[in-house]
N, C-alpha and C. Protein backbone atom coordinates (compact mmCIF):
# COMPACT_ATOMS: atom_id res chain seq x y z
N MET A 1 3.31 -108.61 -190.21
CA MET A 1 2.13 -108.35 -191.03
C MET A 1 1.48 -107.04 -190.58
N ASN A 2 0.95 -106.30 -191.52
CA ASN A 2 0.30 -105.02 -191.22
C ASN A 2 -1.01 -105.23 -190.47
N LYS A 3 -1.24 -104.36 -189.50
CA LYS A 3 -2.50 -104.39 -188.78
C LYS A 3 -3.52 -103.56 -189.56
N LYS A 4 -4.77 -103.99 -189.47
CA LYS A 4 -5.85 -103.31 -190.19
C LYS A 4 -7.01 -103.09 -189.25
N LEU A 5 -7.75 -102.02 -189.48
CA LEU A 5 -8.93 -101.72 -188.68
C LEU A 5 -10.16 -102.14 -189.47
N TYR A 6 -10.98 -103.00 -188.86
CA TYR A 6 -12.19 -103.50 -189.50
C TYR A 6 -13.43 -103.09 -188.72
N ARG A 7 -14.50 -102.82 -189.44
CA ARG A 7 -15.82 -102.66 -188.82
C ARG A 7 -16.59 -103.94 -189.15
N ILE A 8 -17.05 -104.61 -188.10
CA ILE A 8 -17.82 -105.84 -188.27
C ILE A 8 -19.25 -105.55 -187.85
N THR A 9 -20.20 -105.88 -188.71
CA THR A 9 -21.61 -105.74 -188.39
C THR A 9 -22.14 -107.12 -188.02
N LEU A 10 -22.70 -107.20 -186.82
CA LEU A 10 -23.25 -108.46 -186.32
C LEU A 10 -24.75 -108.45 -186.45
N ARG A 11 -25.36 -109.63 -186.47
CA ARG A 11 -26.81 -109.76 -186.61
C ARG A 11 -27.57 -109.20 -185.41
N GLY A 12 -27.07 -109.41 -184.22
CA GLY A 12 -27.80 -109.09 -182.99
C GLY A 12 -27.68 -107.64 -182.56
N GLN A 13 -28.00 -107.43 -181.29
CA GLN A 13 -28.05 -106.08 -180.74
C GLN A 13 -26.69 -105.42 -180.62
N MET A 14 -25.60 -106.17 -180.76
CA MET A 14 -24.26 -105.58 -180.73
C MET A 14 -24.08 -104.60 -181.88
N GLY A 15 -24.71 -104.88 -183.01
CA GLY A 15 -24.59 -103.99 -184.16
C GLY A 15 -23.19 -103.96 -184.72
N ASN A 16 -22.56 -102.77 -184.71
CA ASN A 16 -21.22 -102.60 -185.24
C ASN A 16 -20.18 -102.69 -184.13
N VAL A 17 -19.10 -103.40 -184.41
CA VAL A 17 -17.95 -103.44 -183.52
C VAL A 17 -16.71 -103.16 -184.37
N PHE A 18 -15.67 -102.68 -183.73
CA PHE A 18 -14.43 -102.35 -184.42
C PHE A 18 -13.30 -103.18 -183.83
N VAL A 19 -12.42 -103.68 -184.69
CA VAL A 19 -11.33 -104.53 -184.23
C VAL A 19 -10.10 -104.32 -185.10
N VAL A 20 -8.93 -104.38 -184.48
CA VAL A 20 -7.67 -104.31 -185.19
C VAL A 20 -7.13 -105.73 -185.30
N ALA A 21 -6.85 -106.15 -186.53
CA ALA A 21 -6.37 -107.52 -186.77
C ALA A 21 -5.59 -107.54 -188.08
N ALA A 22 -4.93 -108.66 -188.34
CA ALA A 22 -4.13 -108.80 -189.55
C ALA A 22 -4.96 -109.07 -190.79
N ASP A 23 -6.12 -109.74 -190.62
CA ASP A 23 -6.97 -110.07 -191.76
C ASP A 23 -8.42 -110.22 -191.29
N PRO A 24 -9.37 -110.29 -192.23
CA PRO A 24 -10.79 -110.36 -191.84
C PRO A 24 -11.15 -111.59 -191.01
N GLN A 25 -10.53 -112.73 -191.32
CA GLN A 25 -10.83 -113.94 -190.56
C GLN A 25 -10.40 -113.80 -189.10
N GLU A 26 -9.22 -113.24 -188.89
CA GLU A 26 -8.74 -113.03 -187.52
C GLU A 26 -9.62 -112.02 -186.80
N ALA A 27 -10.06 -110.98 -187.50
CA ALA A 27 -10.91 -109.96 -186.89
C ALA A 27 -12.20 -110.58 -186.36
N TYR A 28 -12.86 -111.37 -187.18
CA TYR A 28 -14.11 -111.99 -186.74
C TYR A 28 -13.86 -113.01 -185.63
N ARG A 29 -12.77 -113.75 -185.73
CA ARG A 29 -12.43 -114.74 -184.70
C ARG A 29 -12.24 -114.06 -183.34
N ILE A 30 -11.57 -112.90 -183.32
CA ILE A 30 -11.36 -112.16 -182.07
C ILE A 30 -12.70 -111.78 -181.46
N VAL A 31 -13.58 -111.22 -182.29
CA VAL A 31 -14.89 -110.78 -181.80
C VAL A 31 -15.73 -111.97 -181.36
N ARG A 32 -15.81 -112.98 -182.20
CA ARG A 32 -16.66 -114.14 -181.90
C ARG A 32 -16.18 -114.87 -180.64
N ASN A 33 -14.87 -115.05 -180.50
CA ASN A 33 -14.34 -115.72 -179.31
C ASN A 33 -14.69 -114.95 -178.04
N ASP A 34 -14.60 -113.63 -178.09
CA ASP A 34 -14.94 -112.82 -176.92
C ASP A 34 -16.43 -112.93 -176.58
N LEU A 35 -17.29 -112.83 -177.59
CA LEU A 35 -18.73 -112.92 -177.35
C LEU A 35 -19.12 -114.31 -176.85
N ASP A 36 -18.51 -115.35 -177.40
CA ASP A 36 -18.78 -116.71 -176.94
C ASP A 36 -18.31 -116.91 -175.50
N LYS A 37 -17.12 -116.40 -175.20
CA LYS A 37 -16.56 -116.55 -173.85
C LYS A 37 -17.46 -115.89 -172.81
N ARG A 38 -18.01 -114.72 -173.16
CA ARG A 38 -18.88 -113.99 -172.24
C ARG A 38 -20.34 -114.43 -172.35
N ASP A 39 -20.62 -115.38 -173.25
CA ASP A 39 -21.99 -115.87 -173.48
C ASP A 39 -22.95 -114.71 -173.74
N TYR A 40 -22.52 -113.80 -174.61
CA TYR A 40 -23.28 -112.59 -174.90
C TYR A 40 -24.42 -112.89 -175.87
N GLY A 41 -25.64 -112.59 -175.48
CA GLY A 41 -26.80 -112.77 -176.35
C GLY A 41 -26.98 -114.21 -176.79
N PHE A 42 -27.73 -114.38 -177.85
CA PHE A 42 -27.96 -115.70 -178.43
C PHE A 42 -26.89 -115.99 -179.47
N PRO A 43 -26.50 -117.26 -179.65
CA PRO A 43 -25.48 -117.59 -180.65
C PRO A 43 -25.80 -117.05 -182.05
N LYS A 44 -27.07 -117.06 -182.45
CA LYS A 44 -27.44 -116.56 -183.79
C LYS A 44 -27.18 -115.06 -183.93
N ASP A 45 -27.15 -114.33 -182.80
CA ASP A 45 -26.91 -112.89 -182.84
C ASP A 45 -25.43 -112.55 -182.92
N ARG A 46 -24.58 -113.54 -182.77
CA ARG A 46 -23.13 -113.32 -182.82
C ARG A 46 -22.58 -113.52 -184.23
N VAL A 47 -23.45 -113.82 -185.17
CA VAL A 47 -23.04 -114.11 -186.55
C VAL A 47 -22.75 -112.80 -187.28
N MET A 48 -21.70 -112.80 -188.07
CA MET A 48 -21.31 -111.62 -188.83
C MET A 48 -22.21 -111.43 -190.05
N LYS A 49 -22.71 -110.20 -190.22
CA LYS A 49 -23.47 -109.84 -191.43
C LYS A 49 -22.55 -109.25 -192.49
N ALA A 50 -21.60 -108.44 -192.03
CA ALA A 50 -20.70 -107.77 -192.98
C ALA A 50 -19.41 -107.39 -192.27
N ILE A 51 -18.36 -107.22 -193.08
CA ILE A 51 -17.08 -106.74 -192.56
C ILE A 51 -16.52 -105.75 -193.57
N GLU A 52 -15.94 -104.67 -193.06
CA GLU A 52 -15.41 -103.62 -193.93
C GLU A 52 -14.04 -103.19 -193.44
N LEU A 53 -13.08 -103.12 -194.36
CA LEU A 53 -11.75 -102.61 -194.06
C LEU A 53 -11.82 -101.09 -194.02
N LEU A 54 -11.47 -100.50 -192.86
CA LEU A 54 -11.56 -99.05 -192.70
C LEU A 54 -10.22 -98.36 -192.83
N ALA A 55 -9.16 -98.98 -192.31
CA ALA A 55 -7.83 -98.36 -192.33
C ALA A 55 -6.78 -99.45 -192.20
N GLU A 56 -5.55 -99.11 -192.65
CA GLU A 56 -4.48 -100.10 -192.64
C GLU A 56 -3.17 -99.44 -192.24
N ASP A 57 -2.38 -100.14 -191.43
CA ASP A 57 -1.07 -99.67 -191.02
C ASP A 57 -0.06 -100.01 -192.11
N ALA A 58 -0.08 -99.21 -193.17
CA ALA A 58 0.80 -99.44 -194.31
C ALA A 58 1.10 -98.10 -194.97
N LEU A 59 2.21 -98.03 -195.65
CA LEU A 59 2.59 -96.80 -196.34
C LEU A 59 1.59 -96.44 -197.43
N TYR A 60 1.13 -97.44 -198.17
CA TYR A 60 0.13 -97.25 -199.22
C TYR A 60 -1.02 -98.22 -198.99
N PRO A 61 -1.96 -97.88 -198.09
CA PRO A 61 -3.04 -98.81 -197.74
C PRO A 61 -4.01 -99.05 -198.89
N GLU A 62 -4.53 -100.28 -198.94
CA GLU A 62 -5.51 -100.67 -199.97
C GLU A 62 -6.75 -99.79 -199.94
N CYS A 63 -7.17 -99.42 -198.74
CA CYS A 63 -8.42 -98.67 -198.58
C CYS A 63 -8.21 -97.16 -198.60
N ASP A 64 -6.98 -96.72 -198.82
CA ASP A 64 -6.62 -95.30 -198.91
C ASP A 64 -6.70 -94.54 -197.60
N ILE A 65 -6.84 -95.24 -196.47
CA ILE A 65 -6.85 -94.58 -195.16
C ILE A 65 -5.78 -95.24 -194.31
N ARG A 66 -4.90 -94.42 -193.77
CA ARG A 66 -3.77 -94.94 -193.00
C ARG A 66 -4.12 -95.07 -191.53
N LEU A 67 -3.74 -96.19 -190.94
CA LEU A 67 -3.91 -96.46 -189.52
C LEU A 67 -2.53 -96.41 -188.88
N TYR A 68 -2.41 -95.65 -187.79
CA TYR A 68 -1.15 -95.59 -187.07
C TYR A 68 -1.27 -96.43 -185.81
N VAL A 69 -0.34 -97.40 -185.67
CA VAL A 69 -0.32 -98.29 -184.51
C VAL A 69 1.07 -98.23 -183.92
N GLU A 70 1.14 -98.00 -182.61
CA GLU A 70 2.43 -97.96 -181.94
C GLU A 70 3.04 -99.36 -181.90
N ASP A 71 4.34 -99.45 -182.15
CA ASP A 71 5.02 -100.75 -182.09
C ASP A 71 4.95 -101.31 -180.69
N GLU A 72 4.81 -102.63 -180.63
CA GLU A 72 4.71 -103.31 -179.33
C GLU A 72 6.06 -103.60 -178.76
C-alpha cells in the first residue's frame, strides 16, 4: 500500500503534527497511541480536529504532490 503524508491538527497545545501512514485512520492511531503512551497533556487535547493529505508515494497522487519514501 502507498504511504501518504498527513497533517493532523489536534485540539490541544500540540497543534499540528505530521505522520506518514497508509490511510487517515492509521495516521491518527499512530499519533494518538504515542500521546496516550506518553500521557501527553489532557485526553481531550489529544483529539483530532482535522486531517489533511499533503503528499502520497504514488506515480499519480490524489493530492497532486508526490512523496518519496525509501524502500524498507
